[in-house]
C-alpha atoms as a PDB file:
ATOM      1  CA  MET A   1      64.053  -1.519  60.886  1.00  0.00           C
ATOM      2  CA  LYS A   2      66.184  -4.670  61.021  1.00  0.00           C
ATOM      3  CA  LYS A   3      67.542  -3.728  64.433  1.00  0.00           C
ATOM      4  CA  LYS A   4      64.028  -3.084  65.720  1.00  0.00           C
ATOM      5  CA  PHE A   5      62.829  -6.424  64.358  1.00  0.00           C
ATOM      6  CA  LEU A   6      65.842  -8.200  65.891  1.00  0.00           C
ATOM      7  CA  PHE A   7      65.251  -6.531  69.258  1.00  0.00           C
ATOM      8  CA  THR A   8      61.569  -7.478  69.245  1.00  0.00           C
ATOM      9  CA  GLY A   9      62.345 -11.070  68.274  1.00  0.00           C
ATOM     10  CA  THR A  10      64.990 -11.372  70.996  1.00  0.00           C
ATOM     11  CA  ALA A  11      62.625  -9.933  73.595  1.00  0.00           C
ATOM     12  CA  VAL A  12      59.940 -12.439  72.638  1.00  0.00           C
ATOM     13  CA  VAL A  13      62.408 -15.341  72.871  1.00  0.00           C
ATOM     14  CA  VAL A  14      63.650 -14.182  76.289  1.00  0.00           C
ATOM     15  CA  LEU A  15      60.078 -13.805  77.520  1.00  0.00           C
ATOM     16  CA  VAL A  16      59.102 -17.269  76.329  1.00  0.00           C
ATOM     17  CA  VAL A  17      62.241 -18.898  77.785  1.00  0.00           C
ATOM     18  CA  GLY A  18      61.691 -17.090  81.074  1.00  0.00           C
ATOM     19  CA  LEU A  19      58.076 -18.185  81.184  1.00  0.00           C
ATOM     20  CA  ILE A  20      59.028 -21.807  80.520  1.00  0.00           C
ATOM     21  CA  ALA A  21      61.696 -21.665  83.229  1.00  0.00           C
ATOM     22  CA  TYR A  22      59.228 -20.191  85.723  1.00  0.00           C
ATOM     23  CA  ILE A  23      56.665 -22.883  84.973  1.00  0.00           C
ATOM     24  CA  ALA A  24      59.280 -25.615  85.345  1.00  0.00           C
ATOM     25  CA  LEU A  25      60.755 -24.303  88.594  1.00  0.00           C
ATOM     26  CA  PHE A  26      57.892 -22.735  90.503  1.00  0.00           C
ATOM     27  CA  THR A  27      54.754 -24.632  89.603  1.00  0.00           C
ATOM     28  CA  LYS A  28      53.853 -28.151  90.559  1.00  0.00           C
ATOM     29  CA  ALA A  29      50.953 -30.575  90.792  1.00  0.00           C
ATOM     30  CA  GLU A  30      50.507 -33.875  92.548  1.00  0.00           C
ATOM     31  CA  PRO A  31      49.478 -36.918  90.452  1.00  0.00           C
ATOM     32  CA  ARG A  32      45.919 -38.120  90.883  1.00  0.00           C
ATOM     33  CA  LEU A  33      46.502 -41.530  89.326  1.00  0.00           C
ATOM     34  CA  THR A  34      47.239 -44.116  92.011  1.00  0.00           C
ATOM     35  CA  ARG A  35      46.436 -47.353  90.169  1.00  0.00           C
ATOM     36  CA  PRO A  36      47.789 -48.943  86.974  1.00  0.00           C
ATOM     37  CA  LEU A  37      45.778 -48.306  83.802  1.00  0.00           C
ATOM     38  CA  ALA A  38      45.214 -52.066  83.493  1.00  0.00           C
ATOM     39  CA  GLU A  39      43.143 -51.873  86.683  1.00  0.00           C
ATOM     40  CA  LEU A  40      41.226 -48.792  85.620  1.00  0.00           C
ATOM     41  CA  VAL A  41      40.306 -50.457  82.310  1.00  0.00           C
ATOM     42  CA  PRO A  42      39.057 -53.886  83.407  1.00  0.00           C
ATOM     43  CA  ALA A  43      39.813 -56.816  81.117  1.00  0.00           C
ATOM     44  CA  GLU A  44      36.652 -58.619  82.224  1.00  0.00           C
ATOM     45  CA  VAL A  45      33.304 -56.935  81.604  1.00  0.00           C
ATOM     46  CA  SER A  46      30.052 -58.879  81.471  1.00  0.00           C
ATOM     47  CA  GLY A  47      28.958 -59.463  77.887  1.00  0.00           C
ATOM     48  CA  TRP A  48      32.414 -58.833  76.439  1.00  0.00           C
ATOM     49  CA  VAL A  49      35.641 -60.651  75.692  1.00  0.00           C
ATOM     50  CA  SER A  50      38.814 -58.608  75.477  1.00  0.00           C
ATOM     51  CA  GLN A  51      42.381 -58.701  74.258  1.00  0.00           C
ATOM     52  CA  ASP A  52      45.246 -56.271  74.648  1.00  0.00           C
ATOM     53  CA  LEU A  53      46.530 -54.615  71.490  1.00  0.00           C
ATOM     54  CA  PRO A  54      50.058 -53.426  70.652  1.00  0.00           C
ATOM     55  CA  LEU A  55      50.758 -49.730  70.366  1.00  0.00           C
ATOM     56  CA  SER A  56      51.790 -50.230  66.728  1.00  0.00           C
ATOM     57  CA  PRO A  57      52.074 -53.189  64.317  1.00  0.00           C
ATOM     58  CA  ASN A  58      55.738 -53.824  65.164  1.00  0.00           C
ATOM     59  CA  GLU A  59      58.263 -53.091  67.922  1.00  0.00           C
ATOM     60  CA  VAL A  60      60.153 -50.473  65.930  1.00  0.00           C
ATOM     61  CA  MET A  61      57.002 -48.453  65.252  1.00  0.00           C
ATOM     62  CA  SER A  62      55.878 -48.868  68.860  1.00  0.00           C
ATOM     63  CA  GLU A  63      59.170 -47.414  70.087  1.00  0.00           C
ATOM     64  CA  LEU A  64      58.919 -44.495  67.656  1.00  0.00           C
ATOM     65  CA  VAL A  65      55.358 -43.724  68.741  1.00  0.00           C
ATOM     66  CA  SER A  66      56.272 -43.989  72.412  1.00  0.00           C
ATOM     67  CA  ASN A  67      59.215 -41.624  71.968  1.00  0.00           C
ATOM     68  CA  ALA A  68      57.046 -39.150  70.068  1.00  0.00           C
ATOM     69  CA  LEU A  69      54.181 -39.122  72.567  1.00  0.00           C
ATOM     70  CA  GLN A  70      56.440 -39.227  75.668  1.00  0.00           C
ATOM     71  CA  PHE A  71      53.696 -40.760  77.802  1.00  0.00           C
ATOM     72  CA  ASP A  72      54.357 -42.478  81.116  1.00  0.00           C
ATOM     73  CA  ALA A  73      51.776 -45.228  80.618  1.00  0.00           C
ATOM     74  CA  TRP A  74      49.419 -46.433  77.926  1.00  0.00           C
ATOM     75  CA  LEU A  75      46.875 -49.151  77.270  1.00  0.00           C
ATOM     76  CA  SER A  76      45.015 -50.319  74.181  1.00  0.00           C
ATOM     77  CA  ARG A  77      42.327 -52.974  74.553  1.00  0.00           C
ATOM     78  CA  LEU A  78      39.825 -54.449  72.117  1.00  0.00           C
ATOM     79  CA  TYR A  79      36.439 -55.563  73.443  1.00  0.00           C
ATOM     80  CA  ARG A  80      34.106 -57.811  71.461  1.00  0.00           C
ATOM     81  CA  SER A  81      30.458 -58.561  72.170  1.00  0.00           C
ATOM     82  CA  ARG A  82      27.871 -60.431  70.143  1.00  0.00           C
ATOM     83  CA  SER A  83      27.005 -57.296  68.192  1.00  0.00           C
ATOM     84  CA  MET A  84      29.984 -54.902  68.096  1.00  0.00           C
ATOM     85  CA  ASP A  85      33.681 -54.255  68.585  1.00  0.00           C
ATOM     86  CA  VAL A  86      34.957 -51.449  70.802  1.00  0.00           C
ATOM     87  CA  THR A  87      38.564 -50.340  71.227  1.00  0.00           C
ATOM     88  CA  VAL A  88      39.641 -48.390  74.292  1.00  0.00           C
ATOM     89  CA  TYR A  89      42.937 -46.500  74.148  1.00  0.00           C
ATOM     90  CA  VAL A  90      44.368 -44.576  77.103  1.00  0.00           C
ATOM     91  CA  ALA A  91      47.586 -42.555  77.364  1.00  0.00           C
ATOM     92  CA  TYR A  92      48.824 -41.007  80.613  1.00  0.00           C
ATOM     93  CA  TRP A  93      51.368 -38.274  81.379  1.00  0.00           C
ATOM     94  CA  LYS A  94      52.615 -37.476  84.880  1.00  0.00           C
ATOM     95  CA  PRO A  95      52.540 -33.844  86.036  1.00  0.00           C
ATOM     96  CA  GLY A  96      55.098 -31.742  84.194  1.00  0.00           C
ATOM     97  CA  LYS A  97      55.906 -34.375  81.555  1.00  0.00           C
ATOM     98  CA  VAL A  98      54.574 -32.543  78.487  1.00  0.00           C
ATOM     99  CA  SER A  99      52.635 -29.386  77.823  1.00  0.00           C
ATOM    100  CA  THR A 100      48.866 -29.462  77.564  1.00  0.00           C
ATOM    101  CA  THR A 101      49.114 -28.505  73.915  1.00  0.00           C
ATOM    102  CA  ASP A 102      51.627 -31.229  73.043  1.00  0.00           C
ATOM    103  CA  ALA A 103      49.489 -33.899  74.671  1.00  0.00           C
ATOM    104  CA  GLY A 104      46.278 -32.475  73.272  1.00  0.00           C
ATOM    105  CA  VAL A 105      47.254 -32.556  69.611  1.00  0.00           C
ATOM    106  CA  HIS A 106      47.699 -36.335  69.718  1.00  0.00           C
ATOM    107  CA  ASN A 107      44.095 -36.922  68.726  1.00  0.00           C
ATOM    108  CA  PRO A 108      42.354 -38.224  65.585  1.00  0.00           C
ATOM    109  CA  ASP A 109      42.149 -34.747  64.028  1.00  0.00           C
ATOM    110  CA  SER A 110      45.935 -34.762  63.756  1.00  0.00           C
ATOM    111  CA  CYS A 111      47.322 -38.287  64.182  1.00  0.00           C
ATOM    112  CA  TRP A 112      44.676 -40.104  62.150  1.00  0.00           C
ATOM    113  CA  VAL A 113      44.412 -37.444  59.454  1.00  0.00           C
ATOM    114  CA  ASN A 114      48.201 -37.375  59.041  1.00  0.00           C
ATOM    115  CA  ALA A 115      48.056 -41.168  58.668  1.00  0.00           C
ATOM    116  CA  GLY A 116      45.613 -40.959  55.750  1.00  0.00           C
ATOM    117  CA  TRP A 117      42.178 -40.923  57.391  1.00  0.00           C
ATOM    118  CA  GLN A 118      39.494 -38.452  56.340  1.00  0.00           C
ATOM    119  CA  ARG A 119      37.449 -36.534  58.890  1.00  0.00           C
ATOM    120  CA  GLU A 120      33.823 -36.619  57.777  1.00  0.00           C
ATOM    121  CA  ALA A 121      32.108 -35.177  60.842  1.00  0.00           C
ATOM    122  CA  ARG A 122      33.151 -33.455  64.061  1.00  0.00           C
ATOM    123  CA  LEU A 123      31.242 -32.247  67.133  1.00  0.00           C
ATOM    124  CA  TYR A 124      32.767 -30.545  70.169  1.00  0.00           C
ATOM    125  CA  GLY A 125      31.924 -30.679  73.872  1.00  0.00           C
ATOM    126  CA  GLN A 126      28.971 -33.022  73.480  1.00  0.00           C
ATOM    127  CA  GLU A 127      26.728 -33.951  76.400  1.00  0.00           C
ATOM    128  CA  LEU A 128      25.861 -37.639  76.763  1.00  0.00           C
ATOM    129  CA  GLN A 129      24.121 -39.729  79.395  1.00  0.00           C
ATOM    130  CA  LEU A 130      24.548 -43.464  79.767  1.00  0.00           C
ATOM    131  CA  GLY A 131      22.496 -45.483  82.205  1.00  0.00           C
ATOM    132  CA  GLY A 132      21.442 -42.362  84.084  1.00  0.00           C
ATOM    133  CA  ARG A 133      25.016 -41.080  84.509  1.00  0.00           C
ATOM    134  CA  ARG A 134      26.344 -38.016  82.754  1.00  0.00           C
ATOM    135  CA  LEU A 135      29.646 -38.257  80.956  1.00  0.00           C
ATOM    136  CA  LYS A 136      32.040 -35.333  80.990  1.00  0.00           C
ATOM    137  CA  PRO A 137      31.738 -33.298  77.769  1.00  0.00           C
ATOM    138  CA  LEU A 138      33.181 -35.457  75.011  1.00  0.00           C
ATOM    139  CA  GLU A 139      34.670 -34.918  71.588  1.00  0.00           C
ATOM    140  CA  TYR A 140      33.039 -36.797  68.700  1.00  0.00           C
ATOM    141  CA  GLY A 141      34.352 -37.441  65.225  1.00  0.00           C
ATOM    142  CA  LEU A 142      33.574 -39.681  62.275  1.00  0.00           C
ATOM    143  CA  TYR A 143      36.678 -40.764  60.356  1.00  0.00           C
ATOM    144  CA  SER A 144      37.005 -42.953  57.282  1.00  0.00           C
ATOM    145  CA  MET A 145      39.729 -44.940  55.543  1.00  0.00           C
ATOM    146  CA  ALA A 146      39.637 -47.002  52.346  1.00  0.00           C
ATOM    147  CA  ASP A 147      40.089 -50.745  52.912  1.00  0.00           C
ATOM    148  CA  LYS A 148      42.022 -53.126  50.644  1.00  0.00           C
ATOM    149  CA  GLU A 149      39.082 -53.311  48.261  1.00  0.00           C
ATOM    150  CA  GLY A 150      38.756 -49.535  48.066  1.00  0.00           C
ATOM    151  CA  LYS A 151      35.594 -49.380  50.170  1.00  0.00           C
ATOM    152  CA  ARG A 152      35.514 -46.593  52.739  1.00  0.00           C
ATOM    153  CA  VAL A 153      35.211 -47.848  56.301  1.00  0.00           C
ATOM    154  CA  ARG A 154      33.767 -45.266  58.688  1.00  0.00           C
ATOM    155  CA  THR A 155      34.746 -45.284  62.351  1.00  0.00           C
ATOM    156  CA  PRO A 156      32.946 -43.232  65.016  1.00  0.00           C
ATOM    157  CA  VAL A 157      35.266 -41.959  67.739  1.00  0.00           C
ATOM    158  CA  ILE A 158      34.660 -40.315  71.096  1.00  0.00           C
ATOM    159  CA  PHE A 159      37.516 -38.996  73.196  1.00  0.00           C
ATOM    160  CA  TRP A 160      38.504 -36.897  76.177  1.00  0.00           C
ATOM    161  CA  HIS A 161      41.680 -35.035  77.032  1.00  0.00           C
ATOM    162  CA  LEU A 162      41.675 -34.757  80.821  1.00  0.00           C
ATOM    163  CA  VAL A 163      43.971 -32.236  82.510  1.00  0.00           C
ATOM    164  CA  GLY A 164      44.111 -32.598  86.278  1.00  0.00           C
ATOM    165  CA  GLY A 165      40.843 -34.498  86.042  1.00  0.00           C
ATOM    166  CA  GLY A 166      39.074 -31.693  84.160  1.00  0.00           C
ATOM    167  CA  VAL A 167      38.158 -31.682  80.488  1.00  0.00           C
ATOM    168  CA  ASN A 168      40.408 -29.837  78.083  1.00  0.00           C
ATOM    169  CA  ARG A 169      37.884 -28.611  75.528  1.00  0.00           C
ATOM    170  CA  TYR A 170      38.492 -28.557  71.798  1.00  0.00           C
ATOM    171  CA  GLU A 171      36.965 -26.186  69.286  1.00  0.00           C
ATOM    172  CA  ASN A 172      37.424 -26.063  65.537  1.00  0.00           C
ATOM    173  CA  GLN A 173      40.885 -27.605  65.514  1.00  0.00           C
ATOM    174  CA  GLU A 174      42.481 -27.617  62.096  1.00  0.00           C
ATOM    175  CA  LEU A 175      43.291 -30.938  60.460  1.00  0.00           C
ATOM    176  CA  GLY A 176      46.693 -32.563  60.653  1.00  0.00           C
ATOM    177  CA  PHE A 177      49.019 -30.321  62.644  1.00  0.00           C
ATOM    178  CA  ARG A 178      52.562 -30.376  61.347  1.00  0.00           C
ATOM    179  CA  SER A 179      55.699 -31.224  63.309  1.00  0.00           C
ATOM    180  CA  GLY A 180      58.723 -29.010  63.912  1.00  0.00           C
ATOM    181  CA  LEU A 181      58.766 -25.221  63.992  1.00  0.00           C
ATOM    182  CA  MET A 182      55.848 -24.857  61.581  1.00  0.00           C
ATOM    183  CA  GLY A 183      53.790 -27.153  63.782  1.00  0.00           C
ATOM    184  CA  ARG A 184      54.595 -24.943  66.774  1.00  0.00           C
ATOM    185  CA  LEU A 185      53.329 -21.953  64.854  1.00  0.00           C
ATOM    186  CA  ASP A 186      50.184 -23.895  63.923  1.00  0.00           C
ATOM    187  CA  ARG A 187      49.586 -24.618  67.597  1.00  0.00           C
ATOM    188  CA  LEU A 188      50.366 -21.127  68.901  1.00  0.00           C
ATOM    189  CA  PRO A 189      46.653 -20.243  69.325  1.00  0.00           C
ATOM    190  CA  LEU A 190      46.233 -23.405  71.421  1.00  0.00           C
ATOM    191  CA  ILE A 191      49.218 -22.485  73.601  1.00  0.00           C
ATOM    192  CA  ILE A 192      47.757 -19.022  74.220  1.00  0.00           C
ATOM    193  CA  ALA A 193      44.357 -20.550  75.016  1.00  0.00           C
ATOM    194  CA  ASP A 194      45.979 -22.942  77.504  1.00  0.00           C
ATOM    195  CA  LEU A 195      47.745 -20.067  79.254  1.00  0.00           C
ATOM    196  CA  LYS A 196      44.430 -18.238  79.561  1.00  0.00           C
ATOM    197  CA  LYS A 197      42.671 -21.327  80.912  1.00  0.00           C
ATOM    198  CA  TYR A 198      45.295 -22.888  83.169  1.00  0.00           C
ATOM    199  CA  GLY A 199      47.476 -19.906  84.009  1.00  0.00           C
ATOM    200  CA  LEU A 200      51.150 -20.487  84.739  1.00  0.00           C
ATOM    201  CA  ASN A 201      50.554 -23.857  86.374  1.00  0.00           C
ATOM    202  CA  GLN A 202      50.765 -26.033  83.284  1.00  0.00           C
ATOM    203  CA  ARG A 203      52.186 -29.027  85.174  1.00  0.00           C
ATOM    204  CA  ARG A 204      48.995 -30.966  85.799  1.00  0.00           C
ATOM    205  CA  GLU A 205      48.821 -34.658  84.994  1.00  0.00           C
ATOM    206  CA  GLN A 206      47.070 -35.543  81.756  1.00  0.00           C
ATOM    207  CA  MET A 207      45.121 -38.454  80.359  1.00  0.00           C
ATOM    208  CA  PHE A 208      43.841 -39.043  76.858  1.00  0.00           C
ATOM    209  CA  VAL A 209      40.947 -41.500  76.519  1.00  0.00           C
ATOM    210  CA  ARG A 210      39.776 -42.603  73.067  1.00  0.00           C
ATOM    211  CA  ILE A 211      36.919 -45.006  72.352  1.00  0.00           C
ATOM    212  CA  THR A 212      36.205 -46.328  68.857  1.00  0.00           C
ATOM    213  CA  VAL A 213      33.289 -48.514  67.838  1.00  0.00           C
ATOM    214  CA  ASN A 214      32.368 -50.328  64.613  1.00  0.00           C
ATOM    215  CA  LYS A 215      28.725 -49.251  64.816  1.00  0.00           C
ATOM    216  CA  PRO A 216      27.104 -45.806  64.475  1.00  0.00           C
ATOM    217  CA  LEU A 217      27.248 -44.110  67.859  1.00  0.00           C
ATOM    218  CA  PRO A 218      23.449 -43.791  68.269  1.00  0.00           C
ATOM    219  CA  VAL A 219      23.236 -47.572  67.814  1.00  0.00           C
ATOM    220  CA  ALA A 220      26.016 -48.153  70.336  1.00  0.00           C
ATOM    221  CA  VAL A 221      24.594 -45.949  73.125  1.00  0.00           C
ATOM    222  CA  ALA A 222      21.261 -47.766  72.876  1.00  0.00           C
ATOM    223  CA  ASN A 223      22.999 -51.106  73.462  1.00  0.00           C
ATOM    224  CA  GLU A 224      23.027 -52.417  77.039  1.00  0.00           C
ATOM    225  CA  ASP A 225      26.394 -54.124  76.619  1.00  0.00           C
ATOM    226  CA  PHE A 226      27.971 -50.880  75.391  1.00  0.00           C
ATOM    227  CA  ILE A 227      26.492 -48.940  78.313  1.00  0.00           C
ATOM    228  CA  ARG A 228      27.857 -51.547  80.735  1.00  0.00           C
ATOM    229  CA  LEU A 229      31.313 -51.343  79.161  1.00  0.00           C
ATOM    230  CA  ILE A 230      31.516 -47.548  79.309  1.00  0.00           C
ATOM    231  CA  GLN A 231      30.300 -47.567  82.910  1.00  0.00           C
ATOM    232  CA  ALA A 232      33.114 -50.000  83.721  1.00  0.00           C
ATOM    233  CA  LEU A 233      35.542 -47.296  82.578  1.00  0.00           C
ATOM    234  CA  ALA A 234      34.319 -44.845  85.228  1.00  0.00           C
ATOM    235  CA  PRO A 235      37.623 -45.096  87.210  1.00  0.00           C
ATOM    236  CA  LEU A 236      39.292 -43.232  84.327  1.00  0.00           C
ATOM    237  CA  GLY A 237      37.338 -40.135  85.362  1.00  0.00           C
ATOM    238  CA  ILE A 238      35.186 -39.783  82.232  1.00  0.00           C
ATOM    239  CA  PHE A 239      31.924 -39.417  84.198  1.00  0.00           C
ATOM    240  CA  GLU A 240      30.811 -36.328  86.062  1.00  0.00           C
ATOM    241  CA  GLU A 241      31.192 -36.812  89.797  1.00  0.00           C
ATOM    242  CA  GLU A 242      27.567 -36.021  90.474  1.00  0.00           C
ATOM    243  CA  GLU A 243      24.953 -38.453  89.225  1.00  0.00           C
ATOM    244  CA  ALA A 244      22.992 -37.128  86.300  1.00  0.00           C
ATOM    245  CA  LYS A 245      19.206 -37.205  86.395  1.00  0.00           C
ATOM    246  CA  THR A 246      17.753 -40.277  84.752  1.00  0.00           C
ATOM    247  CA  GLY A 247      16.737 -39.548  81.189  1.00  0.00           C
ATOM    248  CA  ALA A 248      16.903 -40.766  77.649  1.00  0.00           C
ATOM    249  CA  GLU A 249      20.386 -41.373  76.240  1.00  0.00           C
ATOM    250  CA  THR A 250      21.415 -38.962  73.531  1.00  0.00           C
ATOM    251  CA  ALA A 251      24.274 -39.106  71.059  1.00  0.00           C
ATOM    252  CA  PRO A 252      25.712 -37.168  68.165  1.00  0.00           C
ATOM    253  CA  ALA A 253      24.179 -38.105  64.847  1.00  0.00           C
ATOM    254  CA  ARG A 254      26.261 -40.207  62.530  1.00  0.00           C
END
């Protein structure tokens, strides 16, 4: 029995290593990003003032986060209008830099929850129109954290994980994936799903776009300044290429 188990385990390891080697050597993808993120996320948008934010509160933490995420470029920018604050965060990986799964788990369901946030609501693949244009299916979550006075502050979040320009869909992801070997086992279903979806060519470029707002999302999408800001982010590829039919804006409930 032990010999059979050892043989099976060795065969699985060889198969996985061979698959990884094949993907690394015989698949490729050209980058679609040709402009710096700072140009794709304009600092000046009518009705807003903006400021760039650090990746983390201090340089040491920023370096640790950067090493963990392994991205090739990132940007975090706070926008303030007369009625709300919006933070736009973008991370970018060149083709072949990290696996789709490794990039995809760096989202609020894992990173924020592991940092102490609570996930209060979650909707997957939501359709949303802004100003007559249809956004690519987005992920929505409502997360909360206790402030210094013990009051829970709730933050609506929408985000996209774009792989080669297309949306990498999420569905019922568990909270707070672990690191190390146990984390790999946690993410095994995602790895299998990625192989089914993308085949052996896993070397596409990737972009993670996260937008947080200090107002309920239905309030935000009814605000002209918010619509103008999101439309200004169109170069990131978050809108469908074809114009959506004009209609009433819809949003996930708070």
